[in-house]
Every structure is written in structure tokens, then in C-alpha cells.
Amino acid sequence: MKKRPIAVTIIGCLLVVVGAAGFTYRFRELGPHNALHGGNIWILAVELVALVCGIFLLRRKNWARWLALAWIGFHVAFSFLNSWRQVTVHGAIFLLFAYFLFRPDAQAYFRQG
């Protein structure tokens, strides 16, 4: 069994932390009564997607790396509504995710899973 590339481990753990912390923060910020109201459910869902991506990247699921790339791509798209600085930061993260999750060693790792 091929060992997990360190970049996949780092990205997976980062997504778990970001997803769990983001979900907890947003849920507490919105309050339990408002969290499931209207558009707030989508904010919480985006945080849960990060958590799911991280968990399943660590569990060697190929679809999780595609979902992780889509997740950060979503952030790039929404950054255009805010500022060029956010576009730049999220765009750089997107490129790093794409590079490290689709390198030959990562592809071999996910192919064996």
C-alpha cells in the first residue's frame, strides 16, 4: 500500500479544521434558531463540504479531491463579489490545491484506493 503524500495529508487536515471551525463559528454566530433559516443553511453547507472533503481525502477517496477543488473554486467565484485581494488569495489556494492534489504521486495514491 502506497503511503499518503504529505501534501494530501496537510490539505486534508486543513480542510477538516477549516470545515469544523467554520461550521462551529457560523452556527454560534447565527444562533441555533437562525442557523437553519433562509440563506444561512447554505453558509453552513459550504462549511460542511470542506469537512467532508478533508475526511474523505484522508480516507483515499478520489472524488474528494475533485470536490475539494470545486469547493475552493466556489470561493474564487464568490470572491469576485468582494475584493481583488480575496480573488488573489483564493485563486492562489486553488492553484496550490490543483497542483498538490493532482501531482503524479497523489494520482497514484488515489488510484490505489
Protein backbone atom coordinates (compact mmCIF):
# COMPACT_ATOMS: atom_id res chain seq x y z
CA MET A 1 0.00 0.00 0.00
CA LYS A 2 1.44 3.34 -1.08
CA LYS A 3 1.95 5.88 1.67
CA ARG A 4 -0.20 9.01 1.58
CA PRO A 5 1.67 12.03 0.15
CA ILE A 6 2.38 14.66 2.80
CA ALA A 7 0.64 17.34 0.72
CA VAL A 8 -2.59 15.30 0.69
CA THR A 9 -2.32 14.86 4.47
CA ILE A 10 -1.80 18.59 5.01
CA ILE A 11 -4.65 19.62 2.69
CA GLY A 12 -6.98 17.00 4.19
CA CYS A 13 -6.23 18.09 7.75
CA LEU A 14 -6.52 21.75 6.79
CA LEU A 15 -9.95 21.14 5.26
CA VAL A 16 -11.12 19.25 8.36
CA VAL A 17 -10.02 22.10 10.63
CA VAL A 18 -11.42 24.83 8.36
CA GLY A 19 -14.72 22.99 7.91
CA ALA A 20 -15.22 22.16 11.59
CA ALA A 21 -14.12 25.59 12.83
CA GLY A 22 -16.12 27.42 10.17
CA PHE A 23 -19.27 25.42 10.85
CA THR A 24 -18.96 25.92 14.62
CA TYR A 25 -18.24 29.63 14.28
CA ARG A 26 -21.08 30.26 11.82
CA PHE A 27 -23.54 28.18 13.82
CA ARG A 28 -22.71 30.08 17.02
CA GLU A 29 -22.69 33.43 15.21
CA LEU A 30 -26.12 32.82 13.69
CA GLY A 31 -27.56 31.15 16.76
CA PRO A 32 -29.31 27.79 16.72
CA HIS A 33 -32.69 29.33 15.86
CA ASN A 34 -31.43 31.41 12.90
CA ALA A 35 -28.83 28.94 11.59
CA LEU A 36 -31.33 26.85 9.65
CA HIS A 37 -33.28 29.83 8.35
CA GLY A 38 -33.22 31.04 4.75
CA GLY A 39 -29.83 31.50 3.14
CA ASN A 40 -27.95 30.66 6.32
CA ILE A 41 -28.31 26.95 5.62
CA TRP A 42 -26.11 27.40 2.52
CA ILE A 43 -23.35 29.01 4.54
CA LEU A 44 -23.34 26.05 6.92
CA ALA A 45 -23.48 23.61 3.98
CA VAL A 46 -20.35 25.13 2.43
CA GLU A 47 -18.51 24.63 5.73
CA LEU A 48 -19.70 21.03 5.92
CA VAL A 49 -18.45 20.39 2.38
CA ALA A 50 -14.94 21.39 3.49
CA LEU A 51 -15.17 18.98 6.43
CA VAL A 52 -16.38 16.14 4.21
CA CYS A 53 -13.63 16.82 1.65
CA GLY A 54 -10.96 16.69 4.31
CA ILE A 55 -12.21 13.49 5.90
CA PHE A 56 -12.52 11.66 2.61
CA LEU A 57 -9.21 12.93 1.25
CA LEU A 58 -7.62 11.30 4.26
CA ARG A 59 -9.63 8.14 3.54
CA ARG A 60 -8.25 7.97 -0.03
CA LYS A 61 -11.44 8.77 -1.95
CA ASN A 62 -10.71 10.11 -5.42
CA TRP A 63 -13.95 12.08 -5.66
CA ALA A 64 -12.94 14.09 -2.56
CA ARG A 65 -10.06 15.78 -4.35
CA TRP A 66 -12.42 16.89 -7.13
CA LEU A 67 -14.92 18.15 -4.57
CA ALA A 68 -12.13 19.99 -2.72
CA LEU A 69 -11.13 21.70 -5.95
CA ALA A 70 -14.77 22.62 -6.65
CA TRP A 71 -15.10 23.93 -3.06
CA ILE A 72 -12.17 26.31 -3.40
CA GLY A 73 -13.29 27.20 -6.94
CA PHE A 74 -16.63 28.23 -5.44
CA HIS A 75 -14.72 30.54 -3.10
CA VAL A 76 -12.79 32.05 -6.02
CA ALA A 77 -16.05 32.77 -7.84
CA PHE A 78 -17.69 34.37 -4.82
CA SER A 79 -14.56 36.41 -4.10
CA PHE A 80 -15.29 38.44 -7.21
CA LEU A 81 -18.25 39.91 -5.30
CA ASN A 82 -15.94 41.20 -2.57
CA SER A 83 -12.42 42.29 -3.44
CA TRP A 84 -9.50 41.60 -5.73
CA ARG A 85 -7.42 40.68 -2.70
CA GLN A 86 -9.80 37.81 -1.89
CA VAL A 87 -9.79 36.73 -5.53
CA THR A 88 -6.00 36.63 -5.44
CA VAL A 89 -5.78 34.69 -2.18
CA HIS A 90 -8.47 32.16 -3.11
CA GLY A 91 -7.04 31.86 -6.62
CA ALA A 92 -3.59 31.07 -5.18
CA ILE A 93 -5.10 28.46 -2.87
CA PHE A 94 -6.98 26.96 -5.83
CA LEU A 95 -3.73 26.64 -7.78
CA LEU A 96 -1.97 25.03 -4.80
CA PHE A 97 -4.81 22.54 -4.30
CA ALA A 98 -4.80 21.68 -8.01
CA TYR A 99 -1.03 21.26 -8.09
CA PHE A 100 -0.71 19.11 -4.97
CA LEU A 101 -3.88 17.03 -5.36
CA PHE A 102 -3.20 16.15 -9.00
CA ARG A 103 0.54 15.53 -8.92
CA PRO A 104 1.63 12.07 -10.12
CA ASP A 105 2.26 10.82 -6.56
CA ALA A 106 -1.20 11.95 -5.43
CA GLN A 107 -2.82 10.44 -8.53
CA ALA A 108 -1.10 7.12 -7.83
CA TYR A 109 -2.19 7.26 -4.20
CA PHE A 110 -5.85 7.84 -5.08
CA ARG A 111 -5.78 5.30 -7.90
CA GLN A 112 -4.78 2.54 -5.47
CA GLY A 113 -7.65 3.34 -3.10
